[in-house]
Amino acid sequence: MKKMNLTTKILTGMCSGVVFGIILNLFSGNSIVDEYIVEGILRLAGGLFINSINMLVVPLVFISLICGAADVGDVKKIGRMGGKTLGIYMGTTGMAVTLALIIGKVFNPGLGLDLSKVVSLTPTVGQAQGIVDIILNMVPRNPIMALASGKMLQIIVFALFIGISIAATKGESDEVLKIAKGMNAIIMKMVSFVMYLAPVGVFSLISKTFATAGIEALLPLMKFVGVTVLALMAHVAITYMGMLKVFGKVSVRTFIRKYIPAVNVAFSTSSSGGTLPVSLDSAKKCGVSESVASFTLPLGATINMDGTAIMQGVAVIFIAQVYGIDLTFNQLLTVVFTAILASVGTAGVPGVGMITLSMVVQSVGLPMEGIALIMGVDRIIDMFRTVVNILGDGVCTLLVAKSEGELCRVTYSKV
């Protein structure tokens, strides 16, 4: 009998949780069900999973960013090609989360779900800040305090500063970088350990949600998935394919055909890093030189997470709406900034997007408990957003290669 992979297990846990939660809801009011099963076993298992994710937010972002910036932060090494790559990745991520917020506002995925039974805490949103204050507060006065209090924008800026400084003192700081990379490997292993608990965690969280909110919770959740997938498809069609046509002046159909193998691997593994070998092969079949592909694609697997940014944008709208919170323009702007910067520290492995979502949610003071709803359907979205991530890497790679004169159009046109 074939062993189930993690994605299948989590999807099984999600579906089982929906059914189990609806059954429990039929016995709502029974003390054994309410006190021992819902508020006892399910709350404990789900809470442990959420706390485990929260535990890793700060160290994951901090260490990943140091390593990423140290690898690509040397201006002499990055040069012209590096500047183009970073500019495209950051620009498309900004467009992605902005598009997600707009589509989220249009379709209102969180309206109609009453969470008053699910969460007893009174939701609070941090005070709105002006744009100048947002930028000023990105630089920490006390980095240690920022780390201890989980102020994510400050942590990101501090980590980037450390990484670039390590790159600028190459030779003198090699041991420091080696330690940072070792710590990064340890943290990623911790993430994988936590994800082993995901099937049980997702089952518990979704069961508790449906046990308390009932069958009426199903429609808004499916609406959230649908709106997110719509935003992902819109980003691919409008942003990526538009860039290929306008700036690349190449056939969109040919690009899609040659990237199908990478799309299939991305969809099945939900891992940008795991898809990298196939992405490199697809880029070469598109006529991109090996020197360009070997630079832009690994960098993209680290910092280009448009699909994750889209999920975060829709999720913020969803969570705010289910709690009846109106986000201000400046708070939405904070979401855009945080999602762009967070994409730099989002490792290309399954499940990490939920950890960085915690960071984006915290940036505007939304209740962390709202993530419990999204957790149950995240694995469905994860497959789609990983496809968007690797397509974005491919588009950027092709555009950089064209601008550098390292794109062979004859190879690109070959069937």
Protein backbone atom coordinates (compact mmCIF):
# COMPACT_ATOMS: atom_id res chain seq x y z
CA MET A 1 0.00 0.00 0.00
CA LYS A 2 1.36 3.39 -1.02
CA LYS A 3 2.30 5.66 1.88
CA MET A 4 0.42 8.96 2.01
CA ASN A 5 2.53 12.10 1.59
CA LEU A 6 2.17 15.09 3.89
CA THR A 7 -0.13 17.00 1.53
CA THR A 8 -2.52 14.06 1.32
CA LYS A 9 -2.46 13.64 5.09
CA ILE A 10 -3.26 17.31 5.67
CA LEU A 11 -6.06 17.29 3.09
CA THR A 12 -7.41 14.15 4.79
CA GLY A 13 -7.19 15.88 8.16
CA MET A 14 -8.99 18.92 6.78
CA CYS A 15 -11.86 16.94 5.24
CA SER A 16 -12.15 14.71 8.31
CA GLY A 17 -12.15 17.80 10.53
CA VAL A 18 -15.03 19.35 8.58
CA VAL A 19 -17.14 16.19 8.91
CA PHE A 20 -16.23 15.61 12.56
CA GLY A 21 -16.87 19.26 13.45
CA ILE A 22 -20.29 19.25 11.81
CA ILE A 23 -21.20 16.06 13.69
CA LEU A 24 -20.06 17.60 16.98
CA ASN A 25 -22.12 20.70 16.22
CA LEU A 26 -25.24 18.52 16.16
CA PHE A 27 -24.56 17.72 19.84
CA SER A 28 -23.85 21.33 20.80
CA GLY A 29 -24.92 21.94 24.39
CA ASN A 30 -23.81 18.52 25.58
CA SER A 31 -21.29 19.09 28.39
CA ILE A 32 -19.06 16.17 27.38
CA VAL A 33 -18.86 17.37 23.78
CA ASP A 34 -18.42 21.06 24.60
CA GLU A 35 -16.08 20.83 27.60
CA TYR A 36 -14.03 17.70 27.03
CA ILE A 37 -13.88 17.29 23.26
CA VAL A 38 -14.19 20.79 21.76
CA GLU A 39 -12.67 22.92 24.54
CA GLY A 40 -10.46 20.10 25.80
CA ILE A 41 -8.87 17.76 23.27
CA LEU A 42 -9.40 19.82 20.11
CA ARG A 43 -8.42 23.11 21.71
CA LEU A 44 -5.26 21.55 23.18
CA ALA A 45 -4.11 19.88 19.95
CA GLY A 46 -4.91 22.90 17.79
CA GLY A 47 -3.40 25.34 20.28
CA LEU A 48 -0.14 23.40 20.47
CA PHE A 49 0.15 23.48 16.69
CA ILE A 50 -0.54 27.24 16.52
CA ASN A 51 1.94 27.92 19.33
CA SER A 52 4.58 25.81 17.59
CA ILE A 53 4.19 27.92 14.46
CA ASN A 54 4.33 31.17 16.42
CA MET A 55 7.46 29.93 18.17
CA LEU A 56 9.31 29.79 14.84
CA VAL A 57 8.20 33.11 13.32
CA VAL A 58 10.96 35.38 14.64
CA PRO A 59 13.94 32.99 14.36
CA LEU A 60 12.88 31.81 10.90
CA VAL A 61 12.53 35.28 9.42
CA PHE A 62 15.61 36.68 11.18
CA ILE A 63 18.05 33.91 10.26
CA SER A 64 16.68 33.31 6.74
CA LEU A 65 17.02 36.98 5.88
CA ILE A 66 20.57 37.19 7.19
CA CYS A 67 21.58 34.22 5.02
CA GLY A 68 19.69 35.46 1.97
CA ALA A 69 21.07 39.00 2.14
CA ALA A 70 24.60 37.73 2.80
CA ASP A 71 24.44 35.60 -0.34
CA VAL A 72 23.11 38.32 -2.65
CA GLY A 73 23.92 41.56 -0.82
CA ASP A 74 27.41 42.11 -2.30
CA VAL A 75 26.89 44.93 -4.78
CA LYS A 76 30.04 43.98 -6.70
CA LYS A 77 28.75 40.46 -7.14
CA ILE A 78 25.17 41.34 -7.83
CA GLY A 79 26.02 44.11 -10.31
CA ARG A 80 23.65 45.02 -13.04
CA MET A 81 21.99 41.61 -13.31
CA GLY A 82 21.36 41.43 -9.59
CA GLY A 83 19.75 44.85 -9.56
CA LYS A 84 17.40 43.89 -12.38
CA THR A 85 16.49 40.61 -10.70
CA LEU A 86 15.76 42.17 -7.34
CA GLY A 87 13.80 45.00 -8.97
CA ILE A 88 11.55 42.61 -10.90
CA TYR A 89 10.99 40.31 -7.91
CA MET A 90 10.13 43.13 -5.52
CA GLY A 91 7.98 44.89 -8.11
CA THR A 92 5.90 41.82 -8.98
CA THR A 93 5.46 41.00 -5.29
CA GLY A 94 4.15 44.50 -4.66
CA MET A 95 1.74 44.14 -7.59
CA ALA A 96 0.69 40.70 -6.31
CA VAL A 97 -0.30 41.75 -2.80
CA THR A 98 -1.93 44.96 -4.08
CA LEU A 99 -4.00 42.94 -6.56
CA ALA A 100 -4.91 40.50 -3.77
CA LEU A 101 -6.14 43.31 -1.50
CA ILE A 102 -8.22 44.80 -4.33
CA ILE A 103 -9.80 41.46 -5.26
CA GLY A 104 -10.35 40.71 -1.56
CA LYS A 105 -12.18 44.01 -1.13
CA VAL A 106 -14.30 43.37 -4.23
CA PHE A 107 -15.40 39.82 -3.32
CA ASN A 108 -15.42 40.15 0.50
CA PRO A 109 -14.49 36.52 1.32
CA GLY A 110 -14.94 36.92 5.08
CA LEU A 111 -18.42 38.39 5.21
CA GLY A 112 -21.12 36.12 6.61
CA LEU A 113 -19.04 34.13 9.12
CA ASP A 114 -19.73 34.76 12.80
CA LEU A 115 -16.66 33.95 14.89
CA SER A 116 -18.15 35.09 18.18
CA LYS A 117 -18.56 31.45 19.26
CA VAL A 118 -15.10 30.44 18.14
CA VAL A 119 -12.97 33.06 19.83
CA SER A 120 -13.73 34.66 23.17
CA LEU A 121 -11.09 37.38 22.86
CA THR A 122 -12.16 40.87 21.87
CA PRO A 123 -10.45 41.70 18.59
CA THR A 124 -8.24 44.74 18.62
CA VAL A 125 -6.41 46.52 15.84
CA GLY A 126 -3.32 48.61 16.39
CA GLN A 127 -3.63 52.34 16.03
CA ALA A 128 -3.32 53.67 12.50
CA GLN A 129 0.03 55.31 11.72
CA GLY A 130 1.02 57.82 9.09
CA ILE A 131 3.24 56.78 6.20
CA VAL A 132 6.21 58.67 7.66
CA ASP A 133 5.77 56.90 11.00
CA ILE A 134 5.52 53.53 9.26
CA ILE A 135 8.86 54.10 7.51
CA LEU A 136 10.53 55.50 10.65
CA ASN A 137 9.34 52.57 12.75
CA MET A 138 10.86 50.11 10.30
CA VAL A 139 14.29 50.91 11.77
CA PRO A 140 14.60 49.59 15.33
CA ARG A 141 16.03 51.78 18.06
CA ASN A 142 16.73 48.63 20.06
CA PRO A 143 17.13 45.51 17.86
CA ILE A 144 17.09 43.16 20.84
CA MET A 145 13.79 44.61 22.03
CA ALA A 146 12.40 44.30 18.49
CA LEU A 147 13.33 40.62 18.45
CA ALA A 148 11.87 40.02 21.91
CA SER A 149 8.59 41.77 21.11
CA GLY A 150 8.24 40.34 17.61
CA LYS A 151 8.16 43.67 15.73
CA MET A 152 8.47 42.11 12.30
CA LEU A 153 9.24 45.09 10.07
CA GLN A 154 12.06 46.09 12.41
CA ILE A 155 13.35 42.52 12.53
CA ILE A 156 13.38 42.34 8.73
CA VAL A 157 15.32 45.60 8.35
CA PHE A 158 17.83 44.61 11.04
CA ALA A 159 18.36 41.16 9.51
CA LEU A 160 18.87 42.61 6.03
CA PHE A 161 21.39 45.09 7.43
CA ILE A 162 23.34 42.29 9.11
CA GLY A 163 23.28 40.13 5.96
CA ILE A 164 24.50 42.91 3.67
CA SER A 165 27.22 43.82 6.17
CA ILE A 166 28.38 40.18 6.26
CA ALA A 167 28.58 40.21 2.45
CA ALA A 168 30.53 43.48 2.53
CA THR A 169 33.11 42.00 4.94
CA LYS A 170 33.53 38.72 3.08
CA GLY A 171 36.59 36.87 4.30
CA GLU A 172 36.47 38.40 7.74
CA SER A 173 32.93 37.25 8.51
CA ASP A 174 32.90 33.84 6.81
CA GLU A 175 32.63 32.02 10.14
CA VAL A 176 29.66 34.15 11.15
CA LEU A 177 27.89 33.31 7.87
CA LYS A 178 28.70 29.63 8.35
CA ILE A 179 27.09 29.73 11.80
CA ALA A 180 24.05 31.58 10.43
CA LYS A 181 23.60 29.00 7.67
CA GLY A 182 23.92 26.21 10.22
CA MET A 183 21.24 27.85 12.35
CA ASN A 184 19.08 28.30 9.27
CA ALA A 185 19.34 24.58 8.52
CA ILE A 186 18.35 23.79 12.10
CA ILE A 187 15.34 26.11 11.99
CA MET A 188 14.18 24.66 8.67
CA LYS A 189 14.40 21.20 10.19
CA MET A 190 12.29 22.47 13.09
CA VAL A 191 9.75 23.74 10.54
CA SER A 192 9.63 20.28 8.96
CA PHE A 193 9.10 18.72 12.41
CA VAL A 194 6.21 21.11 13.11
CA MET A 195 4.69 20.32 9.72
CA TYR A 196 4.59 16.63 10.71
CA LEU A 197 2.03 17.75 13.29
CA ALA A 198 0.03 19.61 10.64
CA PRO A 199 -2.50 16.84 9.87
CA VAL A 200 -3.47 16.58 13.55
CA GLY A 201 -3.31 20.34 14.03
CA VAL A 202 -5.44 21.06 10.97
CA PHE A 203 -7.95 18.37 11.98
CA SER A 204 -8.26 19.84 15.48
CA LEU A 205 -8.49 23.46 14.34
CA ILE A 206 -11.04 22.86 11.61
CA SER A 207 -13.06 20.48 13.82
CA LYS A 208 -13.25 23.07 16.59
CA THR A 209 -14.28 25.73 14.08
CA PHE A 210 -17.13 23.71 12.60
CA ALA A 211 -18.15 22.31 15.98
CA THR A 212 -18.73 25.83 17.25
CA ALA A 213 -19.66 27.79 14.10
CA GLY A 214 -21.52 24.95 12.36
CA ILE A 215 -22.07 24.21 8.69
CA GLU A 216 -22.40 27.93 7.93
CA ALA A 217 -18.59 28.18 8.25
CA LEU A 218 -18.14 26.09 5.11
CA LEU A 219 -19.29 28.63 2.52
CA PRO A 220 -17.04 31.52 3.62
CA LEU A 221 -14.03 29.15 3.75
CA MET A 222 -14.69 27.90 0.24
CA LYS A 223 -15.20 31.50 -0.80
CA PHE A 224 -11.80 32.36 0.68
CA VAL A 225 -10.17 29.55 -1.33
CA GLY A 226 -11.98 30.64 -4.49
CA VAL A 227 -11.06 34.32 -4.10
CA THR A 228 -7.42 33.44 -3.40
CA VAL A 229 -7.17 31.15 -6.44
CA LEU A 230 -8.86 33.86 -8.55
CA ALA A 231 -6.26 36.40 -7.38
CA LEU A 232 -3.45 33.94 -8.17
CA MET A 233 -4.78 33.32 -11.68
CA ALA A 234 -5.30 37.04 -12.27
CA HIS A 235 -1.69 37.77 -11.26
CA VAL A 236 -0.37 35.14 -13.68
CA ALA A 237 -2.58 36.35 -16.54
CA ILE A 238 -2.18 40.08 -16.02
CA THR A 239 1.27 40.53 -14.50
CA TYR A 240 3.38 37.61 -15.73
CA MET A 241 1.91 37.05 -19.16
CA GLY A 242 1.67 40.80 -19.69
CA MET A 243 5.38 41.20 -18.89
CA LEU A 244 6.29 38.40 -21.29
CA LYS A 245 4.30 40.03 -24.09
CA VAL A 246 5.24 43.67 -23.48
CA PHE A 247 8.84 43.42 -22.26
CA GLY A 248 9.92 39.97 -23.38
CA LYS A 249 8.13 40.07 -26.75
CA VAL A 250 7.95 36.28 -26.77
CA SER A 251 5.17 33.72 -27.16
CA VAL A 252 3.23 33.19 -23.96
CA ARG A 253 1.99 29.81 -25.17
CA THR A 254 5.56 28.59 -25.75
CA PHE A 255 6.60 29.70 -22.28
CA ILE A 256 3.71 27.87 -20.63
CA ARG A 257 4.34 24.72 -22.68
CA LYS A 258 8.02 24.59 -21.72
CA TYR A 259 7.28 25.28 -18.05
CA ILE A 260 4.59 22.60 -17.68
CA PRO A 261 7.04 20.08 -16.11
CA ALA A 262 8.03 22.62 -13.45
CA VAL A 263 4.36 23.50 -12.89
CA ASN A 264 3.51 19.83 -12.30
CA VAL A 265 6.32 19.37 -9.76
CA ALA A 266 5.47 22.65 -7.99
CA PHE A 267 1.80 21.71 -7.72
CA SER A 268 2.50 18.25 -6.32
CA THR A 269 5.32 19.19 -3.92
CA SER A 270 4.24 22.73 -2.87
CA SER A 271 7.96 23.53 -2.74
CA SER A 272 9.74 26.21 -4.77
CA GLY A 273 13.09 24.86 -3.58
CA GLY A 274 12.14 21.30 -4.46
CA THR A 275 11.09 22.42 -7.95
CA LEU A 276 14.38 24.25 -8.59
CA PRO A 277 16.13 21.49 -10.61
CA VAL A 278 13.13 21.22 -12.97
CA SER A 279 12.84 25.02 -13.17
CA LEU A 280 16.50 25.23 -14.24
CA ASP A 281 15.89 22.67 -16.96
CA SER A 282 12.77 24.52 -18.16
CA ALA A 283 14.67 27.81 -18.28
CA LYS A 284 17.42 26.26 -20.38
CA LYS A 285 14.80 24.87 -22.78
CA CYS A 286 13.53 28.44 -23.07
CA GLY A 287 16.99 29.47 -24.32
CA VAL A 288 18.20 31.15 -21.12
CA SER A 289 21.96 30.89 -20.56
CA GLU A 290 23.13 28.77 -17.65
CA SER A 291 24.90 31.72 -15.99
CA VAL A 292 21.67 33.74 -15.81
CA ALA A 293 19.42 30.83 -14.82
CA SER A 294 21.76 29.64 -12.07
CA PHE A 295 21.70 33.14 -10.56
CA THR A 296 18.09 34.26 -10.88
CA LEU A 297 16.24 30.99 -10.16
CA PRO A 298 17.89 30.09 -6.83
CA LEU A 299 17.48 33.74 -5.80
CA GLY A 300 13.82 33.56 -6.81
CA ALA A 301 13.27 30.40 -4.77
CA THR A 302 14.40 32.45 -1.77
CA ILE A 303 12.90 35.89 -2.25
CA ASN A 304 10.22 35.70 -4.96
CA MET A 305 7.03 34.54 -3.25
CA ASP A 306 4.25 36.31 -5.14
CA GLY A 307 1.82 33.44 -4.55
CA THR A 308 2.44 33.59 -0.83
CA ALA A 309 2.02 37.39 -0.86
CA ILE A 310 -1.34 37.01 -2.63
CA MET A 311 -2.55 34.50 -0.06
CA GLN A 312 -1.47 36.85 2.72
CA GLY A 313 -3.29 39.80 1.15
CA VAL A 314 -6.57 37.93 0.76
CA ALA A 315 -6.15 36.35 4.21
CA VAL A 316 -5.76 39.75 5.89
CA ILE A 317 -9.01 40.95 4.28
CA PHE A 318 -10.71 37.66 5.23
CA ILE A 319 -9.61 37.75 8.88
CA ALA A 320 -10.50 41.44 9.25
CA GLN A 321 -13.97 40.82 7.82
CA VAL A 322 -14.81 37.78 9.94
CA TYR A 323 -13.96 39.87 13.01
CA GLY A 324 -15.87 42.89 11.72
CA ILE A 325 -12.75 45.08 11.58
CA ASP A 326 -12.32 47.87 9.03
CA LEU A 327 -8.70 48.29 8.01
CA THR A 328 -7.50 51.80 7.21
CA PHE A 329 -5.56 52.73 4.08
CA ASN A 330 -2.34 53.03 6.08
CA GLN A 331 -2.88 49.58 7.56
CA LEU A 332 -3.39 48.13 4.08
CA LEU A 333 -0.19 49.90 3.05
CA THR A 334 1.55 48.24 5.98
CA VAL A 335 0.32 44.88 4.70
CA VAL A 336 1.84 45.61 1.28
CA PHE A 337 5.21 46.61 2.77
CA THR A 338 5.28 43.68 5.17
CA ALA A 339 4.32 41.14 2.50
CA ILE A 340 7.02 42.42 0.15
CA LEU A 341 9.69 42.27 2.82
CA ALA A 342 8.39 38.97 4.20
CA SER A 343 8.73 37.36 0.76
CA VAL A 344 12.50 37.76 1.09
CA GLY A 345 12.49 35.56 4.18
CA THR A 346 9.97 32.96 3.04
CA ALA A 347 11.86 29.73 2.40
CA GLY A 348 10.63 27.69 -0.55
CA VAL A 349 9.29 24.72 1.43
CA PRO A 350 5.73 23.58 2.14
CA GLY A 351 3.93 25.23 5.03
CA VAL A 352 6.25 28.18 5.70
CA GLY A 353 3.71 30.58 4.18
CA MET A 354 1.48 30.13 7.22
CA ILE A 355 4.33 31.21 9.48
CA THR A 356 4.94 34.41 7.53
CA LEU A 357 1.18 35.00 7.43
CA SER A 358 1.39 35.23 11.22
CA MET A 359 3.92 37.99 10.72
CA VAL A 360 1.73 39.94 8.27
CA VAL A 361 -1.33 39.57 10.52
CA GLN A 362 0.68 40.84 13.50
CA SER A 363 1.90 43.86 11.51
CA VAL A 364 -1.62 45.38 11.56
CA GLY A 365 -2.65 43.99 14.95
CA LEU A 366 -5.31 41.54 13.74
CA PRO A 367 -6.23 38.64 16.07
CA MET A 368 -3.88 35.71 15.52
CA GLU A 369 -6.74 33.30 16.23
CA GLY A 370 -8.18 34.09 12.79
CA ILE A 371 -5.36 32.10 11.20
CA ALA A 372 -6.93 28.92 12.62
CA LEU A 373 -9.66 29.12 9.98
CA ILE A 374 -7.23 29.52 7.11
CA MET A 375 -4.98 26.74 8.38
CA GLY A 376 -7.50 24.09 7.40
CA VAL A 377 -7.59 25.08 3.73
CA ASP A 378 -4.03 26.35 3.36
CA ARG A 379 -2.70 23.17 1.80
CA ILE A 380 -5.16 23.50 -1.06
CA ILE A 381 -4.00 27.07 -1.68
CA ASP A 382 -0.33 26.15 -1.14
CA MET A 383 -0.26 24.02 -4.28
CA PHE A 384 -1.62 26.86 -6.42
CA ARG A 385 0.56 29.59 -4.93
CA THR A 386 3.74 27.51 -5.40
CA VAL A 387 2.91 27.28 -9.11
CA VAL A 388 2.62 31.08 -9.19
CA ASN A 389 5.96 31.42 -7.40
CA ILE A 390 7.91 29.28 -9.86
CA LEU A 391 6.21 30.88 -12.89
CA GLY A 392 7.29 34.26 -11.52
CA ASP A 393 10.85 32.98 -11.20
CA GLY A 394 10.75 31.81 -14.81
CA VAL A 395 9.37 35.08 -16.18
CA CYS A 396 11.97 37.14 -14.31
CA THR A 397 14.77 34.84 -15.50
CA LEU A 398 13.68 35.17 -19.12
CA LEU A 399 13.41 38.96 -18.94
CA VAL A 400 16.81 39.35 -17.28
CA ALA A 401 18.38 37.01 -19.86
CA LYS A 402 16.83 39.03 -22.72
CA SER A 403 18.08 42.32 -21.29
CA GLU A 404 21.57 40.85 -20.90
CA GLY A 405 21.59 39.43 -24.44
CA GLU A 406 21.68 35.87 -23.08
CA LEU A 407 18.39 34.57 -24.44
CA CYS A 408 18.53 32.32 -27.50
CA ARG A 409 15.32 32.89 -29.44
CA VAL A 410 16.00 29.93 -31.71
CA THR A 411 16.05 27.59 -28.69
CA TYR A 412 12.98 29.32 -27.28
CA SER A 413 11.00 28.74 -30.47
CA LYS A 414 11.89 25.02 -30.72
CA VAL A 415 9.00 22.68 -29.97
